[in-house]
Amino acid sequence: MSVMPSLPAPEFKLVAPDKLVHAFVYGVLVWLGLRAFRRYRPGNALTLMQGFGMFTFASAWGAMMEYIQGAYFPGRFFEFDDMIANTAGAAMAWLLFFILYRKS
């Protein structure tokens, strides 16, 4: 099938309005998770591993949701660029959180 000329190539639109929404929503997910970790941690200090764990959770959740969307919902598709936007939003929120709340 990979050499059949009649199959259209998948579109890859990384810069689109819905990708900004994906990045924003997954950024909010990570931000709220990190706030919760920080609030209930003695001394209000987060470890790098906790931040990485929240980032990984959000990225894996986004990948799982894309898979479920493509596999189980007719008319919906698995979009790799949505996963990239989810991960980018999660990474930006993690970075911004650690910049704003790091201990001196």
PDB file of N, CA and C in Angstrom:
ATOM      1  N   MET A   1       0.805  -1.196   0.000  1.00  0.00           N
ATOM      2  CA  MET A   1       0.000   0.000   0.000  1.00  0.00           C
ATOM      3  C   MET A   1       0.846   1.258   0.000  1.00  0.00           C
ATOM      4  N   SER A   2       2.054   1.158   0.511  1.00  0.00           N
ATOM      5  CA  SER A   2       2.851   2.373   0.631  1.00  0.00           C
ATOM      6  C   SER A   2       3.315   2.916  -0.718  1.00  0.00           C
ATOM      7  N   VAL A   3       3.209   2.142  -1.789  1.00  0.00           N
ATOM      8  CA  VAL A   3       3.624   2.631  -3.104  1.00  0.00           C
ATOM      9  C   VAL A   3       2.449   2.875  -4.035  1.00  0.00           C
ATOM     10  N   MET A   4       1.235   2.786  -3.529  1.00  0.00           N
ATOM     11  CA  MET A   4       0.053   3.013  -4.372  1.00  0.00           C
ATOM     12  C   MET A   4      -0.125   4.515  -4.601  1.00  0.00           C
ATOM     13  N   PRO A   5      -0.150   4.942  -5.869  1.00  0.00           N
ATOM     14  CA  PRO A   5      -0.243   6.380  -6.159  1.00  0.00           C
ATOM     15  C   PRO A   5      -1.613   6.975  -5.874  1.00  0.00           C
ATOM     16  N   SER A   6      -2.659   6.185  -5.733  1.00  0.00           N
ATOM     17  CA  SER A   6      -4.000   6.744  -5.560  1.00  0.00           C
ATOM     18  C   SER A   6      -4.294   7.195  -4.128  1.00  0.00           C
ATOM     19  N   LEU A   7      -3.442   6.825  -3.189  1.00  0.00           N
ATOM     20  CA  LEU A   7      -3.673   7.229  -1.805  1.00  0.00           C
ATOM     21  C   LEU A   7      -3.094   8.619  -1.560  1.00  0.00           C
ATOM     22  N   PRO A   8      -3.896   9.531  -0.991  1.00  0.00           N
ATOM     23  CA  PRO A   8      -3.371  10.879  -0.733  1.00  0.00           C
ATOM     24  C   PRO A   8      -2.414  10.872   0.455  1.00  0.00           C
ATOM     25  N   ALA A   9      -1.452  11.749   0.395  1.00  0.00           N
ATOM     26  CA  ALA A   9      -0.505  11.893   1.503  1.00  0.00           C
ATOM     27  C   ALA A   9      -1.211  12.592   2.662  1.00  0.00           C
ATOM     28  N   PRO A  10      -0.923  12.195   3.879  1.00  0.00           N
ATOM     29  CA  PRO A  10      -1.563  12.868   5.020  1.00  0.00           C
ATOM     30  C   PRO A  10      -1.097  14.315   5.128  1.00  0.00           C
ATOM     31  N   GLU A  11      -2.015  15.175   5.539  1.00  0.00           N
ATOM     32  CA  GLU A  11      -1.666  16.579   5.716  1.00  0.00           C
ATOM     33  C   GLU A  11      -0.937  16.760   7.037  1.00  0.00           C
ATOM     34  N   PHE A  12      -0.009  17.672   7.032  1.00  0.00           N
ATOM     35  CA  PHE A  12       0.740  17.972   8.247  1.00  0.00           C
ATOM     36  C   PHE A  12       0.689  19.483   8.429  1.00  0.00           C
ATOM     37  N   LYS A  13      -0.190  19.942   9.316  1.00  0.00           N
ATOM     38  CA  LYS A  13      -0.347  21.376   9.563  1.00  0.00           C
ATOM     39  C   LYS A  13      -0.023  21.657  11.020  1.00  0.00           C
ATOM     40  N   LEU A  14       1.230  21.985  11.277  1.00  0.00           N
ATOM     41  CA  LEU A  14       1.635  22.249  12.651  1.00  0.00           C
ATOM     42  C   LEU A  14       1.233  23.648  13.101  1.00  0.00           C
ATOM     43  N   VAL A  15       1.140  24.575  12.148  1.00  0.00           N
ATOM     44  CA  VAL A  15       0.731  25.938  12.486  1.00  0.00           C
ATOM     45  C   VAL A  15      -0.705  26.125  12.004  1.00  0.00           C
ATOM     46  N   ALA A  16      -1.632  25.892  12.895  1.00  0.00           N
ATOM     47  CA  ALA A  16      -3.060  26.047  12.614  1.00  0.00           C
ATOM     48  C   ALA A  16      -3.743  26.455  13.911  1.00  0.00           C
ATOM     49  N   PRO A  17      -4.887  27.128  13.825  1.00  0.00           N
ATOM     50  CA  PRO A  17      -5.553  27.592  15.051  1.00  0.00           C
ATOM     51  C   PRO A  17      -5.860  26.477  16.050  1.00  0.00           C
ATOM     52  N   ASP A  18      -6.248  25.313  15.561  1.00  0.00           N
ATOM     53  CA  ASP A  18      -6.577  24.241  16.512  1.00  0.00           C
ATOM     54  C   ASP A  18      -5.331  23.722  17.233  1.00  0.00           C
ATOM     55  N   LYS A  19      -4.165  23.873  16.624  1.00  0.00           N
ATOM     56  CA  LYS A  19      -2.926  23.443  17.292  1.00  0.00           C
ATOM     57  C   LYS A  19      -2.605  24.359  18.469  1.00  0.00           C
ATOM     58  N   LEU A  20      -2.939  25.642  18.337  1.00  0.00           N
ATOM     59  CA  LEU A  20      -2.755  26.568  19.453  1.00  0.00           C
ATOM     60  C   LEU A  20      -3.674  26.191  20.613  1.00  0.00           C
ATOM     61  N   VAL A  21      -4.872  25.753  20.278  1.00  0.00           N
ATOM     62  CA  VAL A  21      -5.809  25.314  21.323  1.00  0.00           C
ATOM     63  C   VAL A  21      -5.263  24.064  22.005  1.00  0.00           C
ATOM     64  N   HIS A  22      -4.752  23.112  21.225  1.00  0.00           N
ATOM     65  CA  HIS A  22      -4.146  21.909  21.804  1.00  0.00           C
ATOM     66  C   HIS A  22      -3.009  22.290  22.754  1.00  0.00           C
ATOM     67  N   ALA A  23      -2.116  23.156  22.299  1.00  0.00           N
ATOM     68  CA  ALA A  23      -0.972  23.555  23.119  1.00  0.00           C
ATOM     69  C   ALA A  23      -1.444  24.255  24.390  1.00  0.00           C
ATOM     70  N   PHE A  24      -2.427  25.122  24.272  1.00  0.00           N
ATOM     71  CA  PHE A  24      -2.936  25.841  25.438  1.00  0.00           C
ATOM     72  C   PHE A  24      -3.563  24.893  26.456  1.00  0.00           C
ATOM     73  N   VAL A  25      -4.404  23.986  25.991  1.00  0.00           N
ATOM     74  CA  VAL A  25      -5.105  23.073  26.904  1.00  0.00           C
ATOM     75  C   VAL A  25      -4.124  22.160  27.632  1.00  0.00           C
ATOM     76  N   TYR A  26      -3.152  21.618  26.925  1.00  0.00           N
ATOM     77  CA  TYR A  26      -2.184  20.739  27.589  1.00  0.00           C
ATOM     78  C   TYR A  26      -1.208  21.532  28.446  1.00  0.00           C
ATOM     79  N   GLY A  27      -0.981  22.780  28.096  1.00  0.00           N
ATOM     80  CA  GLY A  27      -0.199  23.647  28.968  1.00  0.00           C
ATOM     81  C   GLY A  27      -0.926  23.907  30.283  1.00  0.00           C
ATOM     82  N   VAL A  28      -2.229  24.152  30.205  1.00  0.00           N
ATOM     83  CA  VAL A  28      -3.027  24.353  31.419  1.00  0.00           C
ATOM     84  C   VAL A  28      -3.037  23.081  32.262  1.00  0.00           C
ATOM     85  N   LEU A  29      -3.144  21.931  31.624  1.00  0.00           N
ATOM     86  CA  LEU A  29      -3.123  20.659  32.358  1.00  0.00           C
ATOM     87  C   LEU A  29      -1.828  20.518  33.161  1.00  0.00           C
ATOM     88  N   VAL A  30      -0.701  20.784  32.526  1.00  0.00           N
ATOM     89  CA  VAL A  30       0.591  20.674  33.213  1.00  0.00           C
ATOM     90  C   VAL A  30       0.708  21.737  34.304  1.00  0.00           C
ATOM     91  N   TRP A  31       0.310  22.961  33.999  1.00  0.00           N
ATOM     92  CA  TRP A  31       0.400  24.045  34.972  1.00  0.00           C
ATOM     93  C   TRP A  31      -0.398  23.708  36.238  1.00  0.00           C
ATOM     94  N   LEU A  32      -1.635  23.246  36.065  1.00  0.00           N
ATOM     95  CA  LEU A  32      -2.466  22.908  37.228  1.00  0.00           C
ATOM     96  C   LEU A  32      -1.895  21.727  38.003  1.00  0.00           C
ATOM     97  N   GLY A  33      -1.356  20.756  37.298  1.00  0.00           N
ATOM     98  CA  GLY A  33      -0.728  19.620  37.969  1.00  0.00           C
ATOM     99  C   GLY A  33       0.482  20.035  38.782  1.00  0.00           C
ATOM    100  N   LEU A  34       1.300  20.907  38.213  1.00  0.00           N
ATOM    101  CA  LEU A  34       2.482  21.378  38.931  1.00  0.00           C
ATOM    102  C   LEU A  34       2.095  22.248  40.122  1.00  0.00           C
ATOM    103  N   ARG A  35       1.052  23.039  39.960  1.00  0.00           N
ATOM    104  CA  ARG A  35       0.565  23.848  41.097  1.00  0.00           C
ATOM    105  C   ARG A  35       0.103  22.947  42.236  1.00  0.00           C
ATOM    106  N   ALA A  36      -0.578  21.865  41.884  1.00  0.00           N
ATOM    107  CA  ALA A  36      -1.045  20.930  42.914  1.00  0.00           C
ATOM    108  C   ALA A  36       0.135  20.269  43.613  1.00  0.00           C
ATOM    109  N   PHE A  37       1.127  19.819  42.848  1.00  0.00           N
ATOM    110  CA  PHE A  37       2.334  19.239  43.453  1.00  0.00           C
ATOM    111  C   PHE A  37       2.998  20.246  44.394  1.00  0.00           C
ATOM    112  N   ARG A  38       3.123  21.453  43.934  1.00  0.00           N
ATOM    113  CA  ARG A  38       3.813  22.492  44.705  1.00  0.00           C
ATOM    114  C   ARG A  38       3.053  22.835  45.979  1.00  0.00           C
ATOM    115  N   ARG A  39       1.754  22.872  45.885  1.00  0.00           N
ATOM    116  CA  ARG A  39       0.942  23.260  47.042  1.00  0.00           C
ATOM    117  C   ARG A  39       1.038  22.250  48.184  1.00  0.00           C
ATOM    118  N   TYR A  40       1.100  20.989  47.836  1.00  0.00           N
ATOM    119  CA  TYR A  40       1.091  19.957  48.866  1.00  0.00           C
ATOM    120  C   TYR A  40       2.465  19.380  49.174  1.00  0.00           C
ATOM    121  N   ARG A  41       3.494  20.042  48.732  1.00  0.00           N
ATOM    122  CA  ARG A  41       4.866  19.591  49.009  1.00  0.00           C
ATOM    123  C   ARG A  41       5.450  20.474  50.109  1.00  0.00           C
ATOM    124  N   PRO A  42       6.031  19.883  51.111  1.00  0.00           N
ATOM    125  CA  PRO A  42       6.650  20.688  52.177  1.00  0.00           C
ATOM    126  C   PRO A  42       7.710  21.630  51.600  1.00  0.00           C
ATOM    127  N   GLY A  43       7.631  22.889  51.976  1.00  0.00           N
ATOM    128  CA  GLY A  43       8.592  23.870  51.486  1.00  0.00           C
ATOM    129  C   GLY A  43       8.244  24.413  50.117  1.00  0.00           C
ATOM    130  N   ASN A  44       7.176  23.934  49.518  1.00  0.00           N
ATOM    131  CA  ASN A  44       6.709  24.387  48.202  1.00  0.00           C
ATOM    132  C   ASN A  44       7.755  24.287  47.104  1.00  0.00           C
ATOM    133  N   ALA A  45       8.663  23.343  47.217  1.00  0.00           N
ATOM    134  CA  ALA A  45       9.692  23.162  46.190  1.00  0.00           C
ATOM    135  C   ALA A  45       9.382  21.908  45.376  1.00  0.00           C
ATOM    136  N   LEU A  46       9.478  22.034  44.087  1.00  0.00           N
ATOM    137  CA  LEU A  46       9.277  20.891  43.196  1.00  0.00           C
ATOM    138  C   LEU A  46      10.618  20.349  42.737  1.00  0.00           C
ATOM    139  N   THR A  47      10.669  19.061  42.580  1.00  0.00           N
ATOM    140  CA  THR A  47      11.871  18.465  42.017  1.00  0.00           C
ATOM    141  C   THR A  47      11.745  18.433  40.500  1.00  0.00           C
ATOM    142  N   LEU A  48      12.864  18.338  39.849  1.00  0.00           N
ATOM    143  CA  LEU A  48      12.866  18.239  38.394  1.00  0.00           C
ATOM    144  C   LEU A  48      12.122  16.984  37.949  1.00  0.00           C
ATOM    145  N   MET A  49      12.240  15.919  38.731  1.00  0.00           N
ATOM    146  CA  MET A  49      11.584  14.665  38.375  1.00  0.00           C
ATOM    147  C   MET A  49      10.056  14.786  38.457  1.00  0.00           C
ATOM    148  N   GLN A  50       9.546  15.540  39.414  1.00  0.00           N
ATOM    149  CA  GLN A  50       8.098  15.750  39.481  1.00  0.00           C
ATOM    150  C   GLN A  50       7.611  16.521  38.267  1.00  0.00           C
ATOM    151  N   GLY A  51       8.364  17.527  37.870  1.00  0.00           N
ATOM    152  CA  GLY A  51       8.006  18.279  36.671  1.00  0.00           C
ATOM    153  C   GLY A  51       8.053  17.399  35.434  1.00  0.00           C
ATOM    154  N   PHE A  52       9.090  16.600  35.339  1.00  0.00           N
ATOM    155  CA  PHE A  52       9.200  15.691  34.199  1.00  0.00           C
ATOM    156  C   PHE A  52       8.063  14.676  34.207  1.00  0.00           C
ATOM    157  N   GLY A  53       7.689  14.213  35.391  1.00  0.00           N
ATOM    158  CA  GLY A  53       6.582  13.270  35.508  1.00  0.00           C
ATOM    159  C   GLY A  53       5.268  13.877  35.027  1.00  0.00           C
ATOM    160  N   MET A  54       5.012  15.120  35.397  1.00  0.00           N
ATOM    161  CA  MET A  54       3.777  15.789  34.953  1.00  0.00           C
ATOM    162  C   MET A  54       3.799  16.019  33.451  1.00  0.00           C
ATOM    163  N   PHE A  55       4.945  16.434  32.926  1.00  0.00           N
ATOM    164  CA  PHE A  55       5.100  16.605  31.480  1.00  0.00           C
ATOM    165  C   PHE A  55       4.873  15.283  30.744  1.00  0.00           C
ATOM    166  N   THR A  56       5.461  14.217  31.250  1.00  0.00           N
ATOM    167  CA  THR A  56       5.317  12.903  30.628  1.00  0.00           C
ATOM    168  C   THR A  56       3.876  12.423  30.678  1.00  0.00           C
ATOM    169  N   PHE A  57       3.231  12.619  31.830  1.00  0.00           N
ATOM    170  CA  PHE A  57       1.822  12.236  31.957  1.00  0.00           C
ATOM    171  C   PHE A  57       0.965  12.958  30.924  1.00  0.00           C
ATOM    172  N   ALA A  58       1.127  14.277  30.819  1.00  0.00           N
ATOM    173  CA  ALA A  58       0.316  15.052  29.874  1.00  0.00           C
ATOM    174  C   ALA A  58       0.594  14.635  28.433  1.00  0.00           C
ATOM    175  N   SER A  59       1.849  14.419  28.105  1.00  0.00           N
ATOM    176  CA  SER A  59       2.201  14.006  26.735  1.00  0.00           C
ATOM    177  C   SER A  59       1.639  12.621  26.417  1.00  0.00           C
ATOM    178  N   ALA A  60       1.742  11.694  27.364  1.00  0.00           N
ATOM    179  CA  ALA A  60       1.195  10.342  27.155  1.00  0.00           C
ATOM    180  C   ALA A  60      -0.331  10.381  27.061  1.00  0.00           C
ATOM    181  N   TRP A  61      -0.951  11.219  27.880  1.00  0.00           N
ATOM    182  CA  TRP A  61      -2.416  11.363  27.829  1.00  0.00           C
ATOM    183  C   TRP A  61      -2.839  11.872  26.451  1.00  0.00           C
ATOM    184  N   GLY A  62      -2.120  12.858  25.935  1.00  0.00           N
ATOM    185  CA  GLY A  62      -2.426  13.393  24.605  1.00  0.00           C
ATOM    186  C   GLY A  62      -2.264  12.349  23.519  1.00  0.00           C
ATOM    187  N   ALA A  63      -1.211  11.540  23.606  1.00  0.00           N
ATOM    188  CA  ALA A  63      -0.996  10.474  22.619  1.00  0.00           C
ATOM    189  C   ALA A  63      -2.097   9.430  22.710  1.00  0.00           C
ATOM    190  N   MET A  64      -2.474   9.071  23.930  1.00  0.00           N
ATOM    191  CA  MET A  64      -3.543   8.089  24.112  1.00  0.00           C
ATOM    192  C   MET A  64      -4.877   8.615  23.569  1.00  0.00           C
ATOM    193  N   MET A  65      -5.167   9.884  23.817  1.00  0.00           N
ATOM    194  CA  MET A  65      -6.427  10.457  23.335  1.00  0.00           C
ATOM    195  C   MET A  65      -6.448  10.516  21.807  1.00  0.00           C
ATOM    196  N   GLU A  66      -5.312  10.801  21.195  1.00  0.00           N
ATOM    197  CA  GLU A  66      -5.252  10.797  19.735  1.00  0.00           C
ATOM    198  C   GLU A  66      -5.485   9.388  19.189  1.00  0.00           C
ATOM    199  N   TYR A  67      -4.895   8.395  19.831  1.00  0.00           N
ATOM    200  CA  TYR A  67      -5.094   7.013  19.404  1.00  0.00           C
ATOM    201  C   TYR A  67      -6.568   6.624  19.533  1.00  0.00           C
ATOM    202  N   ILE A  68      -7.157   6.896  20.674  1.00  0.00           N
ATOM    203  CA  ILE A  68      -8.571   6.549  20.903  1.00  0.00           C
ATOM    204  C   ILE A  68      -9.456   7.261  19.900  1.00  0.00           C
ATOM    205  N   GLN A  69      -9.174   8.514  19.659  1.00  0.00           N
ATOM    206  CA  GLN A  69      -9.956   9.295  18.695  1.00  0.00           C
ATOM    207  C   GLN A  69      -9.917   8.660  17.304  1.00  0.00           C
ATOM    208  N   GLY A  70      -8.737   8.241  16.881  1.00  0.00           N
ATOM    209  CA  GLY A  70      -8.591   7.654  15.551  1.00  0.00           C
ATOM    210  C   GLY A  70      -9.120   6.240  15.452  1.00  0.00           C
ATOM    211  N   ALA A  71      -9.041   5.481  16.541  1.00  0.00           N
ATOM    212  CA  ALA A  71      -9.411   4.066  16.497  1.00  0.00           C
ATOM    213  C   ALA A  71     -10.897   3.808  16.757  1.00  0.00           C
ATOM    214  N   TYR A  72     -11.521   4.636  17.573  1.00  0.00           N
ATOM    215  CA  TYR A  72     -12.862   4.292  18.040  1.00  0.00           C
ATOM    216  C   TYR A  72     -13.970   5.276  17.677  1.00  0.00           C
ATOM    217  N   PHE A  73     -13.644   6.404  17.081  1.00  0.00           N
ATOM    218  CA  PHE A  73     -14.669   7.381  16.745  1.00  0.00           C
ATOM    219  C   PHE A  73     -14.715   7.597  15.238  1.00  0.00           C
ATOM    220  N   PRO A  74     -15.778   7.148  14.600  1.00  0.00           N
ATOM    221  CA  PRO A  74     -15.903   7.313  13.149  1.00  0.00           C
ATOM    222  C   PRO A  74     -15.870   8.802  12.766  1.00  0.00           C
ATOM    223  N   GLY A  75     -15.162   9.089  11.713  1.00  0.00           N
ATOM    224  CA  GLY A  75     -15.055  10.460  11.238  1.00  0.00           C
ATOM    225  C   GLY A  75     -13.976  11.267  11.944  1.00  0.00           C
ATOM    226  N   ARG A  76     -13.343  10.693  12.936  1.00  0.00           N
ATOM    227  CA  ARG A  76     -12.240  11.355  13.639  1.00  0.00           C
ATOM    228  C   ARG A  76     -10.949  10.649  13.254  1.00  0.00           C
ATOM    229  N   PHE A  77      -9.837  11.360  13.328  1.00  0.00           N
ATOM    230  CA  PHE A  77      -8.579  10.815  12.854  1.00  0.00           C
ATOM    231  C   PHE A  77      -7.466  11.006  13.876  1.00  0.00           C
ATOM    232  N   PHE A  78      -6.518  10.092  13.841  1.00  0.00           N
ATOM    233  CA  PHE A  78      -5.276  10.224  14.600  1.00  0.00           C
ATOM    234  C   PHE A  78      -4.432  11.260  13.885  1.00  0.00           C
ATOM    235  N   GLU A  79      -4.027  12.307  14.596  1.00  0.00           N
ATOM    236  CA  GLU A  79      -3.214  13.346  13.973  1.00  0.00           C
ATOM    237  C   GLU A  79      -1.916  13.505  14.747  1.00  0.00           C
ATOM    238  N   PHE A  80      -0.827  13.198  14.072  1.00  0.00           N
ATOM    239  CA  PHE A  80       0.488  13.293  14.695  1.00  0.00           C
ATOM    240  C   PHE A  80       0.817  14.732  15.080  1.00  0.00           C
ATOM    241  N   ASP A  81       0.396  15.694  14.254  1.00  0.00           N
ATOM    242  CA  ASP A  81       0.693  17.091  14.560  1.00  0.00           C
ATOM    243  C   ASP A  81      -0.068  17.575  15.798  1.00  0.00           C
ATOM    244  N   ASP A  82      -1.217  16.977  16.109  1.00  0.00           N
ATOM    245  CA  ASP A  82      -1.896  17.299  17.366  1.00  0.00           C
ATOM    246  C   ASP A  82      -1.060  16.835  18.554  1.00  0.00           C
ATOM    247  N   MET A  83      -0.451  15.662  18.418  1.00  0.00           N
ATOM    248  CA  MET A  83       0.421  15.165  19.503  1.00  0.00           C
ATOM    249  C   MET A  83       1.624  16.088  19.706  1.00  0.00           C
ATOM    250  N   ILE A  84       2.171  16.600  18.631  1.00  0.00           N
ATOM    251  CA  ILE A  84       3.296  17.529  18.745  1.00  0.00           C
ATOM    252  C   ILE A  84       2.849  18.811  19.452  1.00  0.00           C
ATOM    253  N   ALA A  85       1.674  19.315  19.097  1.00  0.00           N
ATOM    254  CA  ALA A  85       1.151  20.520  19.746  1.00  0.00           C
ATOM    255  C   ALA A  85       0.881  20.273  21.226  1.00  0.00           C
ATOM    256  N   ASN A  86       0.323  19.106  21.562  1.00  0.00           N
ATOM    257  CA  ASN A  86       0.084  18.763  22.972  1.00  0.00           C
ATOM    258  C   ASN A  86       1.389  18.762  23.759  1.00  0.00           C
ATOM    259  N   THR A  87       2.388  18.109  23.205  1.00  0.00           N
ATOM    260  CA  THR A  87       3.682  18.002  23.875  1.00  0.00           C
ATOM    261  C   THR A  87       4.365  19.362  23.979  1.00  0.00           C
ATOM    262  N   ALA A  88       4.256  20.172  22.942  1.00  0.00           N
ATOM    263  CA  ALA A  88       4.862  21.504  22.971  1.00  0.00           C
ATOM    264  C   ALA A  88       4.208  22.373  24.045  1.00  0.00           C
ATOM    265  N   GLY A  89       2.898  22.327  24.141  1.00  0.00           N
ATOM    266  CA  GLY A  89       2.199  23.091  25.179  1.00  0.00           C
ATOM    267  C   GLY A  89       2.580  22.633  26.570  1.00  0.00           C
ATOM    268  N   ALA A  90       2.685  21.320  26.751  1.00  0.00           N
ATOM    269  CA  ALA A  90       3.087  20.771  28.050  1.00  0.00           C
ATOM    270  C   ALA A  90       4.508  21.215  28.401  1.00  0.00           C
ATOM    271  N   ALA A  91       5.407  21.175  27.435  1.00  0.00           N
ATOM    272  CA  ALA A  91       6.802  21.573  27.676  1.00  0.00           C
ATOM    273  C   ALA A  91       6.908  23.059  27.990  1.00  0.00           C
ATOM    274  N   MET A  92       6.178  23.891  27.268  1.00  0.00           N
ATOM    275  CA  MET A  92       6.232  25.333  27.521  1.00  0.00           C
ATOM    276  C   MET A  92       5.704  25.671  28.910  1.00  0.00           C
ATOM    277  N   ALA A  93       4.624  25.009  29.322  1.00  0.00           N
ATOM    278  CA  ALA A  93       4.074  25.262  30.657  1.00  0.00           C
ATOM    279  C   ALA A  93       5.059  24.822  31.734  1.00  0.00           C
ATOM    280  N   TRP A  94       5.682  23.676  31.539  1.00  0.00           N
ATOM    281  CA  TRP A  94       6.669  23.174  32.504  1.00  0.00           C
ATOM    282  C   TRP A  94       7.827  24.157  32.630  1.00  0.00           C
ATOM    283  N   LEU A  95       8.351  24.594  31.498  1.00  0.00           N
ATOM    284  CA  LEU A  95       9.466  25.538  31.501  1.00  0.00           C
ATOM    285  C   LEU A  95       9.064  26.858  32.167  1.00  0.00           C
ATOM    286  N   LEU A  96       7.929  27.402  31.795  1.00  0.00           N
ATOM    287  CA  LEU A  96       7.474  28.665  32.365  1.00  0.00           C
ATOM    288  C   LEU A  96       7.236  28.540  33.871  1.00  0.00           C
ATOM    289  N   PHE A  97       6.660  27.430  34.291  1.00  0.00           N
ATOM    290  CA  PHE A  97       6.406  27.213  35.710  1.00  0.00           C
ATOM    291  C   PHE A  97       7.709  27.212  36.500  1.00  0.00           C
ATOM    292  N   PHE A  98       8.708  26.504  36.013  1.00  0.00           N
ATOM    293  CA  PHE A  98       9.976  26.432  36.737  1.00  0.00           C
ATOM    294  C   PHE A  98      10.736  27.753  36.698  1.00  0.00           C
ATOM    295  N   ILE A  99      10.563  28.525  35.654  1.00  0.00           N
ATOM    296  CA  ILE A  99      11.185  29.844  35.617  1.00  0.00           C
ATOM    297  C   ILE A  99      10.537  30.773  36.643  1.00  0.00           C
ATOM    298  N   LEU A 100       9.222  30.744  36.720  1.00  0.00           N
ATOM    299  CA  LEU A 100       8.494  31.646  37.623  1.00  0.00           C
ATOM    300  C   LEU A 100       8.566  31.230  39.087  1.00  0.00           C
ATOM    301  N   TYR A 101       8.652  29.936  39.366  1.00  0.00           N
ATOM    302  CA  TYR A 101       8.560  29.471  40.737  1.00  0.00           C
ATOM    303  C   TYR A 101       9.842  28.815  41.271  1.00  0.00           C
ATOM    304  N   ARG A 102      10.926  29.015  40.613  1.00  0.00           N
ATOM    305  CA  ARG A 102      12.159  28.397  41.134  1.00  0.00           C
ATOM    306  C   ARG A 102      12.608  29.127  42.398  1.00  0.00           C
ATOM    307  N   LYS A 103      13.218  28.376  43.252  1.00  0.00           N
ATOM    308  CA  LYS A 103      13.720  28.934  44.518  1.00  0.00           C
ATOM    309  C   LYS A 103      15.107  29.533  44.297  1.00  0.00           C
ATOM    310  N   SER A 104      15.326  30.670  44.858  1.00  0.00           N
ATOM    311  CA  SER A 104      16.647  31.323  44.743  1.00  0.00           C
ATOM    312  C   SER A 104      17.612  30.792  45.770  1.00  0.00           C
TER     313      SER A 104
END
